[in-house]
Amino acid sequence: MLAFALRRAIWAIPTLFGVSLVVFLLTTLLPDPVADAPIAAGDVAARVRLDELRRARFLDLPRLLNVAPRDVRSTVDECVAHVVAGDGDAAFCEERLGRLGGAALPHLLPRLDDIPPAARGRIAIALAPVARRMGIGDEAELTEPDRAALFWERFWEDRSVDFTEPAVHRSVQRITTRPSELLENDLRLVDTFALRELMDALRTTRDPAALARLTRIASQVTGRSGALEPDADRARTRAAVSEWLSWWYVHEADYVVLQGGEKVTASVAQTRYAKWVLGSVTGQLGLSTRDGLPIFDKLLARAPVTLGMALLALLVSALVGVPIGVVAAWRRGHAVDHGAAGIVLLVYSVPTFLVAELLATFGRGTGAGFVLPVLALSTVSLSVMTQQQRASMIEALGQDYVRAARAKGARTLRVALVHALRNALVPTVTIAGVQFPALVGGAFVVEEVFDIHGVGWETLRAIESHDVAWIVAVTLLCAIITTACLVASDIAYGLLDPRVRESQTRRSAA
């Protein structure tokens, strides 16, 4: 039986892959207001904002295959080409070089002499924000073209040795273990070149004081807010670290160099699908555009409410539906059977939202709490469970082993419970795996009616505010739940029915 369960679990992996691919292709069809937003000619600030919004949704990446993956070196080459050409993208590229900062300097400053004088001056002035973050130079040196170019040439002669990964790695490791103003200044002087090491340290460090130092340095070299206070509580610390890692997940390619096999890996990793899947696995689902909170944290907070309510509703459906189905099958053709069929048909016909509204209206002030939402949600699967149990019980009552038990003089209750019901439960138990995803979908309506802040309530708010990131995450979550339930249903069928186990054993032997 263990081999059967493992086989089903392994088959779930390609199933989930296929489901994730289909869900991804469907979600790319969702309209995104960011994609085609108009920009006035020469409005660099508006273009920067649009670029950030597009990158946060990975709209700048190809869907499935990237034949030309980007890194900081290719970005610098492209920006320099635009500045030298003086085309419509030159101003945007000058601003982008300033944002790339220290990570771009090893690929830009050594070739500064080879750039034409006019373009060299514009590039040197564009690097003024980098010098200000580093705390070096004066305004005259940074804003006059010739003096700025000379300033950066001398800076590279003096400080190029600091722009090495081993040196930065040692500095970050030391600043993680103890505070040091000298080490902080050293890291400020390499600016964004230190981001990879800083982000790696944020992933592994748990000391609040060290996290405060790391986020402070990251905030200084990027110009972003997000520095932690040393006395920040646990929730604030987790949210800040998650925000930094989510930002790095989107912008990592801007600050690192791809070498060797990394270029081959990046042809797949730097795609919208890969970013979407890897972000889902690692919890880097980005930030909600509705409230700015990490989507993964919101899922962790909302999902237990919805899944717990769906599980309780499934249990209520089974506890009510199975006995009704058994009695209806035992009294087939009698008034009990017809009455049960009428009730089941009525419950099946009434929409879930109407049941929820009625229970919410008449149950207001009763203090029922979580009971009424569960009862309203259980109507989604109650009729199906009852009808399935009735059909399987009728089939079981017609089997030879039931007639043999009757012929031997077994009592009616024993025939119904021991011989018939034991085998008739198998289809009902397995169908529960199909009903659970339906209950999760029904919970969206029930949560809205009873104002329960679960996944469904949050999803409806996301639809109202066009929060595409949350909608995509919930779609994938529902797909994973459905696949897991189907696999669990197959495993349960094998556990309950020995004929399935024997069939699998014979197939394995063959």
Protein backbone atom coordinates (compact mmCIF):
# COMPACT_ATOMS: atom_id res chain seq x y z
CA MET A 1 0.00 0.00 0.00
CA LEU A 2 2.92 2.31 0.69
CA ALA A 3 4.17 1.81 -2.87
CA PHE A 4 0.71 2.69 -4.19
CA ALA A 5 0.60 5.89 -2.14
CA LEU A 6 4.12 6.89 -3.19
CA ARG A 7 3.30 6.23 -6.83
CA ARG A 8 0.25 8.49 -6.64
CA ALA A 9 2.25 11.19 -4.84
CA ILE A 10 5.00 11.09 -7.48
CA TRP A 11 2.44 11.36 -10.26
CA ALA A 12 1.22 14.54 -8.60
CA ILE A 13 4.48 16.32 -9.49
CA PRO A 14 3.97 16.38 -13.30
CA THR A 15 0.29 17.03 -12.67
CA LEU A 16 1.10 20.12 -10.61
CA PHE A 17 3.56 21.23 -13.27
CA GLY A 18 0.90 20.96 -15.95
CA VAL A 19 -1.67 22.69 -13.76
CA SER A 20 0.73 25.53 -12.94
CA LEU A 21 1.50 26.00 -16.63
CA VAL A 22 -2.18 26.16 -17.55
CA VAL A 23 -2.95 28.53 -14.67
CA PHE A 24 -0.03 30.75 -15.67
CA LEU A 25 -1.16 30.94 -19.30
CA LEU A 26 -4.69 31.77 -18.18
CA THR A 27 -3.58 34.46 -15.75
CA THR A 28 -1.47 36.15 -18.45
CA LEU A 29 -4.75 36.83 -20.22
CA LEU A 30 -5.90 39.05 -17.33
CA PRO A 31 -5.91 42.72 -18.34
CA ASP A 32 -3.22 44.73 -16.60
CA PRO A 33 -3.65 48.52 -16.56
CA VAL A 34 0.14 48.92 -16.21
CA ALA A 35 0.95 47.21 -19.49
CA ASP A 36 -0.12 49.97 -21.88
CA ALA A 37 -0.18 53.06 -19.69
CA PRO A 38 0.60 56.20 -21.76
CA ILE A 39 3.74 58.23 -20.99
CA ALA A 40 4.39 61.82 -22.05
CA ALA A 41 7.52 62.33 -24.14
CA GLY A 42 10.49 63.28 -21.95
CA ASP A 43 8.74 62.44 -18.68
CA VAL A 44 11.55 60.37 -17.15
CA ALA A 45 9.95 60.15 -13.70
CA ALA A 46 6.73 58.70 -15.14
CA ARG A 47 8.71 56.21 -17.19
CA VAL A 48 10.68 55.13 -14.12
CA ARG A 49 7.44 54.56 -12.18
CA LEU A 50 5.95 52.56 -15.06
CA ASP A 51 9.15 50.55 -15.41
CA GLU A 52 9.02 49.65 -11.71
CA LEU A 53 5.38 48.58 -11.95
CA ARG A 54 6.08 46.44 -15.00
CA ARG A 55 9.09 44.82 -13.40
CA ALA A 56 7.17 44.06 -10.20
CA ARG A 57 4.79 41.99 -12.38
CA PHE A 58 7.67 40.61 -14.53
CA LEU A 59 6.03 42.13 -17.61
CA ASP A 60 9.50 43.01 -18.90
CA LEU A 61 10.38 39.30 -19.19
CA PRO A 62 9.35 36.80 -21.89
CA ARG A 63 6.78 34.21 -20.89
CA LEU A 64 8.56 30.86 -21.20
CA LEU A 65 12.05 31.26 -22.75
CA ASN A 66 14.57 34.08 -22.54
CA VAL A 67 17.06 33.86 -25.40
CA ALA A 68 18.96 36.94 -24.17
CA PRO A 69 19.01 36.99 -20.34
CA ARG A 70 20.08 40.29 -18.82
CA ASP A 71 22.58 41.14 -16.12
CA VAL A 72 24.20 44.35 -14.90
CA ARG A 73 26.90 44.19 -17.59
CA SER A 74 24.43 43.97 -20.48
CA THR A 75 22.30 46.72 -18.92
CA VAL A 76 25.33 49.02 -18.66
CA ASP A 77 26.29 48.31 -22.29
CA GLU A 78 22.76 49.10 -23.46
CA CYS A 79 22.54 52.32 -21.44
CA VAL A 80 25.94 53.55 -22.63
CA ALA A 81 24.92 52.91 -26.24
CA HIS A 82 21.77 55.01 -25.81
CA VAL A 83 23.62 57.86 -24.11
CA VAL A 84 26.28 57.92 -26.82
CA ALA A 85 23.59 57.91 -29.52
CA GLY A 86 21.67 60.65 -27.72
CA ASP A 87 18.32 59.11 -28.69
CA GLY A 88 14.96 59.26 -26.93
CA ASP A 89 16.04 56.71 -24.30
CA ALA A 90 19.21 58.58 -23.33
CA ALA A 91 17.68 60.49 -20.40
CA PHE A 92 16.03 57.35 -19.01
CA CYS A 93 19.31 55.42 -19.30
CA GLU A 94 21.23 58.17 -17.50
CA GLU A 95 18.76 57.95 -14.63
CA ARG A 96 19.02 54.16 -14.66
CA LEU A 97 22.82 54.23 -14.39
CA GLY A 98 22.39 56.31 -11.25
CA ARG A 99 20.02 53.70 -9.81
CA LEU A 100 22.35 50.82 -10.71
CA GLY A 101 25.07 52.57 -8.73
CA GLY A 102 28.09 50.66 -7.46
CA ALA A 103 27.12 47.43 -9.20
CA ALA A 104 27.56 49.21 -12.57
CA LEU A 105 30.89 50.90 -11.77
CA PRO A 106 33.20 47.91 -12.50
CA HIS A 107 31.68 47.66 -15.99
CA LEU A 108 31.45 51.41 -16.63
CA LEU A 109 34.42 53.29 -15.13
CA PRO A 110 37.24 51.26 -16.76
CA ARG A 111 35.84 52.16 -20.21
CA LEU A 112 35.02 55.79 -19.43
CA ASP A 113 38.01 57.06 -21.46
CA ASP A 114 36.76 55.22 -24.56
CA ILE A 115 33.41 57.07 -24.57
CA PRO A 116 33.11 60.30 -26.60
CA PRO A 117 33.64 63.43 -24.44
CA ALA A 118 30.05 64.73 -24.55
CA ALA A 119 28.54 61.36 -23.64
CA ARG A 120 31.26 60.79 -21.04
CA GLY A 121 30.32 64.02 -19.31
CA ARG A 122 26.62 63.13 -19.25
CA ILE A 123 27.37 59.69 -17.82
CA ALA A 124 29.67 61.16 -15.15
CA ILE A 125 26.98 63.64 -14.10
CA ALA A 126 24.38 60.83 -14.07
CA LEU A 127 26.51 59.09 -11.42
CA ALA A 128 26.18 62.06 -9.02
CA PRO A 129 23.43 60.32 -6.94
CA VAL A 130 25.83 57.39 -6.47
CA ALA A 131 28.54 59.65 -5.08
CA ARG A 132 26.04 61.31 -2.75
CA ARG A 133 24.99 57.90 -1.39
CA MET A 134 28.66 57.05 -0.89
CA GLY A 135 29.25 60.39 0.87
CA ILE A 136 32.14 61.45 -1.41
CA GLY A 137 32.86 64.42 -3.69
CA ASP A 138 31.51 67.96 -3.70
CA GLU A 139 28.81 69.44 -5.89
CA ALA A 140 31.24 71.12 -8.27
CA GLU A 141 33.04 67.83 -8.92
CA LEU A 142 29.80 65.97 -9.45
CA THR A 143 27.85 68.42 -11.61
CA GLU A 144 30.46 69.78 -14.05
CA PRO A 145 31.00 67.32 -16.93
CA ASP A 146 34.80 67.46 -17.24
CA ARG A 147 35.46 67.54 -13.51
CA ALA A 148 32.92 64.76 -12.88
CA ALA A 149 34.59 62.49 -15.46
CA LEU A 150 38.01 63.16 -13.88
CA PHE A 151 36.58 62.57 -10.40
CA TRP A 152 35.28 59.12 -11.32
CA GLU A 153 38.52 58.14 -13.08
CA ARG A 154 40.50 58.98 -9.94
CA PHE A 155 37.93 57.23 -7.74
CA TRP A 156 38.34 54.01 -9.72
CA GLU A 157 42.13 54.23 -9.51
CA ASP A 158 41.93 54.48 -5.73
CA ARG A 159 38.99 52.19 -4.87
CA SER A 160 38.77 49.53 -7.60
CA VAL A 161 40.35 46.97 -5.25
CA ASP A 162 37.31 47.28 -2.94
CA PHE A 163 34.94 46.15 -5.70
CA THR A 164 35.64 42.44 -5.30
CA GLU A 165 33.25 39.80 -4.02
CA PRO A 166 35.61 38.33 -1.35
CA ALA A 167 36.21 41.77 0.18
CA VAL A 168 32.49 42.57 0.30
CA HIS A 169 31.67 39.10 1.65
CA ARG A 170 34.10 39.57 4.56
CA SER A 171 32.70 43.00 5.38
CA VAL A 172 29.09 41.77 5.39
CA GLN A 173 29.97 38.77 7.57
CA ARG A 174 31.69 41.01 10.08
CA ILE A 175 28.93 43.61 10.18
CA THR A 176 26.47 40.77 10.83
CA THR A 177 28.28 39.69 13.98
CA ARG A 178 29.11 43.10 15.47
CA PRO A 179 28.35 46.80 14.85
CA SER A 180 31.12 48.79 13.20
CA GLU A 181 30.87 52.27 11.72
CA LEU A 182 34.06 51.66 9.72
CA LEU A 183 32.61 48.54 8.08
CA GLU A 184 29.38 50.39 7.30
CA ASN A 185 31.38 53.13 5.57
CA ASP A 186 33.28 50.51 3.56
CA LEU A 187 30.02 49.01 2.38
CA ARG A 188 28.60 52.43 1.56
CA LEU A 189 31.63 53.06 -0.67
CA VAL A 190 30.85 50.03 -2.84
CA ASP A 191 27.18 50.99 -2.89
CA THR A 192 24.87 48.52 -4.67
CA PHE A 193 27.81 46.22 -5.44
CA ALA A 194 27.24 44.83 -1.91
CA LEU A 195 23.55 44.02 -2.43
CA ARG A 196 23.96 40.33 -3.24
CA GLU A 197 25.89 39.68 -0.04
CA LEU A 198 23.49 41.85 1.97
CA MET A 199 20.45 39.94 0.69
CA ASP A 200 22.11 36.57 1.37
CA ALA A 201 22.78 37.72 4.93
CA LEU A 202 19.17 38.86 5.35
CA ARG A 203 17.99 35.34 4.44
CA THR A 204 20.13 33.62 7.06
CA THR A 205 20.38 36.13 9.92
CA ARG A 206 17.93 35.98 12.82
CA ASP A 207 19.51 38.51 15.20
CA PRO A 208 17.24 41.62 15.28
CA ALA A 209 20.18 43.99 15.84
CA ALA A 210 22.08 42.52 12.89
CA LEU A 211 18.98 42.73 10.70
CA ALA A 212 18.61 46.38 11.64
CA ARG A 213 22.21 47.05 10.54
CA LEU A 214 21.81 45.12 7.29
CA THR A 215 18.56 46.83 6.33
CA ARG A 216 20.03 50.22 7.20
CA ILE A 217 22.95 49.63 4.83
CA ALA A 218 20.64 48.27 2.12
CA SER A 219 18.45 51.32 2.48
CA GLN A 220 21.45 53.65 2.21
CA VAL A 221 22.91 52.08 -0.93
CA THR A 222 19.60 51.81 -2.78
CA GLY A 223 17.92 54.99 -1.62
CA ARG A 224 14.84 52.97 -0.62
CA SER A 225 13.02 53.13 2.68
CA GLY A 226 12.79 49.98 4.77
CA ALA A 227 15.50 50.30 7.42
CA LEU A 228 14.56 48.49 10.62
CA GLU A 229 14.80 50.01 14.06
CA PRO A 230 16.84 47.95 16.56
CA ASP A 231 13.79 47.60 18.83
CA ALA A 232 11.36 46.60 16.04
CA ASP A 233 8.93 43.83 17.00
CA ARG A 234 8.93 40.41 15.38
CA ALA A 235 6.07 41.12 12.98
CA ARG A 236 7.66 44.34 11.71
CA THR A 237 11.02 42.60 11.31
CA ARG A 238 9.51 39.74 9.32
CA ALA A 239 7.56 42.13 7.08
CA ALA A 240 10.63 44.28 6.42
CA VAL A 241 12.86 41.31 5.57
CA SER A 242 10.15 39.86 3.35
CA GLU A 243 9.81 43.19 1.56
CA TRP A 244 13.54 43.40 0.91
CA LEU A 245 13.74 39.81 -0.36
CA SER A 246 10.71 40.37 -2.60
CA TRP A 247 12.34 43.49 -4.03
CA TRP A 248 15.59 41.56 -4.60
CA TYR A 249 13.69 38.73 -6.29
CA VAL A 250 12.47 41.25 -8.85
CA HIS A 251 15.65 43.34 -9.28
CA GLU A 252 18.48 40.85 -8.74
CA ALA A 253 19.40 40.80 -12.45
CA ASP A 254 20.13 44.56 -12.28
CA TYR A 255 22.99 44.12 -9.82
CA VAL A 256 24.70 40.79 -10.58
CA VAL A 257 26.84 39.40 -13.40
CA LEU A 258 25.90 36.11 -15.05
CA GLN A 259 28.87 33.82 -15.61
CA GLY A 260 29.22 30.42 -17.25
CA GLY A 261 26.34 28.09 -16.53
CA GLU A 262 24.35 30.90 -14.92
CA LYS A 263 23.64 32.27 -18.40
CA VAL A 264 22.14 28.95 -19.49
CA THR A 265 20.06 28.72 -16.31
CA ALA A 266 18.93 32.31 -16.71
CA SER A 267 17.41 31.56 -20.12
CA VAL A 268 14.75 29.66 -18.19
CA ALA A 269 14.93 31.36 -14.79
CA GLN A 270 14.54 34.88 -16.20
CA THR A 271 11.06 34.26 -17.57
CA ARG A 272 7.66 35.21 -16.26
CA TYR A 273 6.67 31.58 -15.72
CA ALA A 274 9.86 30.64 -13.84
CA LYS A 275 9.66 33.75 -11.65
CA TRP A 276 6.02 32.97 -10.92
CA VAL A 277 6.63 29.31 -10.02
CA LEU A 278 9.84 29.87 -8.04
CA GLY A 279 8.24 32.75 -6.20
CA SER A 280 5.33 30.51 -5.26
CA VAL A 281 7.64 27.75 -3.99
CA THR A 282 9.95 30.04 -2.02
CA GLY A 283 7.22 32.33 -0.74
CA GLN A 284 8.45 35.34 -2.72
CA LEU A 285 5.04 36.18 -4.13
CA GLY A 286 5.62 39.90 -4.04
CA LEU A 287 3.56 42.61 -2.40
CA SER A 288 -0.13 43.23 -2.67
CA THR A 289 -0.90 46.39 -4.62
CA ARG A 290 -4.00 46.88 -2.47
CA ASP A 291 -2.33 47.33 0.91
CA GLY A 292 1.40 46.82 0.27
CA LEU A 293 1.65 43.71 2.51
CA PRO A 294 3.58 40.57 1.48
CA ILE A 295 1.20 38.21 -0.32
CA PHE A 296 2.77 35.10 1.23
CA ASP A 297 2.13 36.44 4.75
CA LYS A 298 -1.43 37.32 3.83
CA LEU A 299 -2.00 33.79 2.51
CA LEU A 300 -0.64 32.33 5.73
CA ALA A 301 -3.08 34.48 7.69
CA ARG A 302 -6.17 33.99 5.49
CA ALA A 303 -5.86 30.40 4.26
CA PRO A 304 -6.41 28.64 7.63
CA VAL A 305 -9.76 30.44 7.99
CA THR A 306 -11.06 29.35 4.59
CA LEU A 307 -9.60 25.85 4.63
CA GLY A 308 -10.78 25.22 8.19
CA MET A 309 -14.30 26.33 7.34
CA ALA A 310 -14.33 24.12 4.22
CA LEU A 311 -13.07 21.12 6.21
CA LEU A 312 -15.74 21.56 8.88
CA ALA A 313 -18.42 21.94 6.19
CA LEU A 314 -17.25 18.70 4.57
CA LEU A 315 -17.43 16.94 7.93
CA VAL A 316 -20.97 18.25 8.54
CA SER A 317 -22.02 17.14 5.04
CA ALA A 318 -20.71 13.64 5.70
CA LEU A 319 -22.26 13.34 9.17
CA VAL A 320 -25.66 14.42 7.83
CA GLY A 321 -25.59 13.13 4.27
CA VAL A 322 -24.33 9.58 4.92
CA PRO A 323 -27.09 8.59 7.40
CA ILE A 324 -29.79 10.12 5.18
CA GLY A 325 -28.42 8.27 2.15
CA VAL A 326 -28.28 4.97 4.05
CA VAL A 327 -31.86 5.29 5.37
CA ALA A 328 -33.15 6.35 1.93
CA ALA A 329 -31.49 3.36 0.28
CA TRP A 330 -32.73 0.92 2.92
CA ARG A 331 -36.27 2.25 2.55
CA ARG A 332 -36.08 2.59 -1.20
CA GLY A 333 -39.41 3.49 -2.81
CA HIS A 334 -41.06 4.34 0.51
CA ALA A 335 -42.15 7.69 1.88
CA VAL A 336 -38.85 8.14 3.68
CA ASP A 337 -36.97 7.78 0.41
CA HIS A 338 -39.23 10.23 -1.43
CA GLY A 339 -39.12 12.73 1.42
CA ALA A 340 -35.33 12.59 1.61
CA ALA A 341 -35.09 13.02 -2.19
CA GLY A 342 -37.33 16.09 -2.01
CA ILE A 343 -35.27 17.68 0.76
CA VAL A 344 -32.02 16.94 -1.04
CA LEU A 345 -33.37 18.41 -4.28
CA LEU A 346 -34.52 21.54 -2.43
CA VAL A 347 -31.14 22.04 -0.76
CA TYR A 348 -29.38 21.46 -4.07
CA SER A 349 -31.60 23.98 -5.87
CA VAL A 350 -31.24 26.87 -3.42
CA PRO A 351 -28.12 28.99 -4.18
CA THR A 352 -25.47 29.08 -1.50
CA PHE A 353 -25.57 32.85 -1.23
CA LEU A 354 -29.32 32.73 -0.49
CA VAL A 355 -28.85 30.12 2.24
CA ALA A 356 -26.07 32.24 3.72
CA GLU A 357 -28.19 35.40 3.61
CA LEU A 358 -31.13 33.63 5.31
CA LEU A 359 -28.93 32.19 8.06
CA ALA A 360 -27.18 35.52 8.55
CA THR A 361 -30.53 37.34 8.79
CA PHE A 362 -32.31 34.97 11.16
CA GLY A 363 -29.20 34.07 13.12
CA ARG A 364 -28.14 37.64 13.87
CA GLY A 365 -27.74 38.16 17.58
CA THR A 366 -27.81 34.44 18.43
CA GLY A 367 -24.08 34.27 19.11
CA ALA A 368 -23.71 31.26 16.81
CA GLY A 369 -20.34 32.54 15.64
CA PHE A 370 -18.66 30.15 13.21
CA VAL A 371 -21.57 27.65 13.21
CA LEU A 372 -23.86 29.45 10.77
CA PRO A 373 -21.19 29.99 8.06
CA VAL A 374 -20.24 26.30 8.26
CA LEU A 375 -23.89 25.25 7.99
CA ALA A 376 -24.40 27.52 4.98
CA LEU A 377 -21.28 26.20 3.30
CA SER A 378 -22.16 22.55 3.98
CA THR A 379 -25.16 22.84 1.61
CA VAL A 380 -22.65 22.93 -1.27
CA SER A 381 -21.77 19.24 -0.82
CA LEU A 382 -24.62 17.88 1.33
CA SER A 383 -26.83 16.89 -1.62
CA VAL A 384 -23.96 15.30 -3.54
CA MET A 385 -22.82 13.27 -0.54
CA THR A 386 -26.38 12.12 0.20
CA GLN A 387 -27.11 11.06 -3.37
CA GLN A 388 -23.76 9.30 -3.71
CA GLN A 389 -24.27 7.41 -0.46
CA ARG A 390 -27.80 6.37 -1.48
CA ALA A 391 -26.64 5.10 -4.88
CA SER A 392 -23.67 3.17 -3.52
CA MET A 393 -25.79 1.72 -0.68
CA ILE A 394 -28.43 0.50 -3.14
CA GLU A 395 -25.71 -1.18 -5.17
CA ALA A 396 -24.19 -2.77 -2.07
CA LEU A 397 -27.56 -4.13 -0.90
CA GLY A 398 -27.88 -6.02 -4.18
CA GLN A 399 -24.55 -7.84 -3.84
CA ASP A 400 -24.26 -11.58 -3.20
CA TYR A 401 -22.51 -11.18 0.16
CA VAL A 402 -25.49 -9.16 1.51
CA ARG A 403 -27.98 -11.78 0.33
CA ALA A 404 -25.79 -14.49 1.87
CA ALA A 405 -25.74 -12.64 5.19
CA ARG A 406 -29.54 -12.38 5.13
CA ALA A 407 -29.87 -16.05 4.29
CA LYS A 408 -27.72 -16.92 7.30
CA GLY A 409 -30.13 -15.04 9.52
CA ALA A 410 -28.07 -11.95 10.27
CA ARG A 411 -30.01 -9.19 11.92
CA THR A 412 -31.14 -6.24 9.83
CA LEU A 413 -28.91 -3.72 11.61
CA ARG A 414 -25.86 -5.93 11.18
CA VAL A 415 -26.57 -6.45 7.48
CA ALA A 416 -26.94 -2.71 6.93
CA LEU A 417 -23.96 -1.49 8.96
CA VAL A 418 -21.40 -4.28 8.77
CA HIS A 419 -21.95 -5.86 5.36
CA ALA A 420 -23.50 -3.15 3.17
CA LEU A 421 -22.40 0.18 4.63
CA ARG A 422 -18.76 -0.82 4.97
CA ASN A 423 -18.43 -1.27 1.21
CA ALA A 424 -20.86 1.49 0.27
CA LEU A 425 -18.75 4.08 2.07
CA VAL A 426 -15.83 3.67 -0.33
CA PRO A 427 -17.25 5.78 -3.20
CA THR A 428 -18.54 8.40 -0.75
CA VAL A 429 -15.17 8.79 0.95
CA THR A 430 -13.36 9.13 -2.34
CA ILE A 431 -15.83 11.67 -3.71
CA ALA A 432 -15.08 13.86 -0.70
CA GLY A 433 -11.75 14.64 -2.38
CA VAL A 434 -13.66 16.22 -5.25
CA GLN A 435 -16.05 18.09 -2.98
CA PHE A 436 -13.39 19.85 -0.90
CA PRO A 437 -12.25 22.19 -3.74
CA ALA A 438 -15.90 23.00 -4.41
CA LEU A 439 -16.33 23.94 -0.76
CA VAL A 440 -13.29 26.22 -0.95
CA GLY A 441 -14.93 27.98 -3.89
CA GLY A 442 -18.24 28.22 -2.03
CA ALA A 443 -16.44 29.74 0.94
CA PHE A 444 -15.78 32.86 -1.15
CA VAL A 445 -19.52 33.63 -1.12
CA VAL A 446 -20.09 32.66 2.51
CA GLU A 447 -17.18 34.78 3.73
CA GLU A 448 -18.57 37.82 1.94
CA VAL A 449 -22.03 37.36 3.46
CA PHE A 450 -20.79 36.80 7.04
CA ASP A 451 -17.86 39.27 6.71
CA ILE A 452 -15.29 36.59 7.49
CA HIS A 453 -11.81 37.73 6.47
CA GLY A 454 -10.52 34.62 4.76
CA VAL A 455 -9.07 33.97 1.31
CA GLY A 456 -12.44 34.55 -0.37
CA TRP A 457 -13.05 37.91 1.28
CA GLU A 458 -9.53 39.05 0.44
CA THR A 459 -9.88 37.86 -3.16
CA LEU A 460 -13.04 39.89 -3.70
CA ARG A 461 -11.24 42.97 -2.37
CA ALA A 462 -8.34 42.21 -4.71
CA ILE A 463 -10.71 41.99 -7.69
CA GLU A 464 -12.17 45.37 -6.78
CA SER A 465 -8.71 46.97 -6.64
CA HIS A 466 -7.23 45.02 -9.62
CA ASP A 467 -4.62 43.35 -7.40
CA VAL A 468 -3.37 40.91 -10.06
CA ALA A 469 -0.56 39.51 -7.87
CA TRP A 470 -3.03 38.28 -5.23
CA ILE A 471 -5.41 36.83 -7.84
CA VAL A 472 -2.56 34.87 -9.43
CA ALA A 473 -1.39 33.55 -6.04
CA VAL A 474 -4.90 32.43 -5.05
CA THR A 475 -5.45 30.78 -8.43
CA LEU A 476 -2.30 28.73 -7.96
CA LEU A 477 -3.30 27.87 -4.38
CA CYS A 478 -6.69 26.57 -5.55
CA ALA A 479 -4.99 24.53 -8.28
CA ILE A 480 -2.62 22.95 -5.73
CA ILE A 481 -5.52 22.18 -3.36
CA THR A 482 -7.50 20.52 -6.16
CA THR A 483 -4.56 18.39 -7.28
CA ALA A 484 -3.73 17.36 -3.71
CA CYS A 485 -7.36 16.41 -3.05
CA LEU A 486 -7.53 14.24 -6.18
CA VAL A 487 -4.33 12.44 -5.21
CA ALA A 488 -5.60 11.96 -1.66
CA SER A 489 -8.87 10.62 -3.08
CA ASP A 490 -7.00 8.00 -5.12
CA ILE A 491 -4.93 6.99 -2.10
CA ALA A 492 -8.04 6.73 0.08
CA TYR A 493 -9.72 4.54 -2.53
CA GLY A 494 -6.74 2.19 -2.47
CA LEU A 495 -6.72 2.09 1.32
CA LEU A 496 -10.43 1.27 1.59
CA ASP A 497 -10.80 -1.14 -1.33
CA PRO A 498 -8.52 -4.21 -1.16
CA ARG A 499 -9.26 -4.99 -4.82
CA VAL A 500 -7.41 -1.82 -5.84
CA ARG A 501 -4.39 -2.81 -3.75
CA GLU A 502 -4.35 -6.28 -5.24
CA SER A 503 -4.61 -4.88 -8.74
CA GLN A 504 -1.67 -2.56 -8.12
CA THR A 505 0.35 -5.41 -6.63
CA ARG A 506 -0.27 -7.65 -9.65
CA ARG A 507 0.61 -4.81 -12.03
CA SER A 508 3.87 -4.19 -10.17
CA ALA A 509 4.74 -7.85 -10.22
CA ALA A 510 4.03 -8.08 -13.94
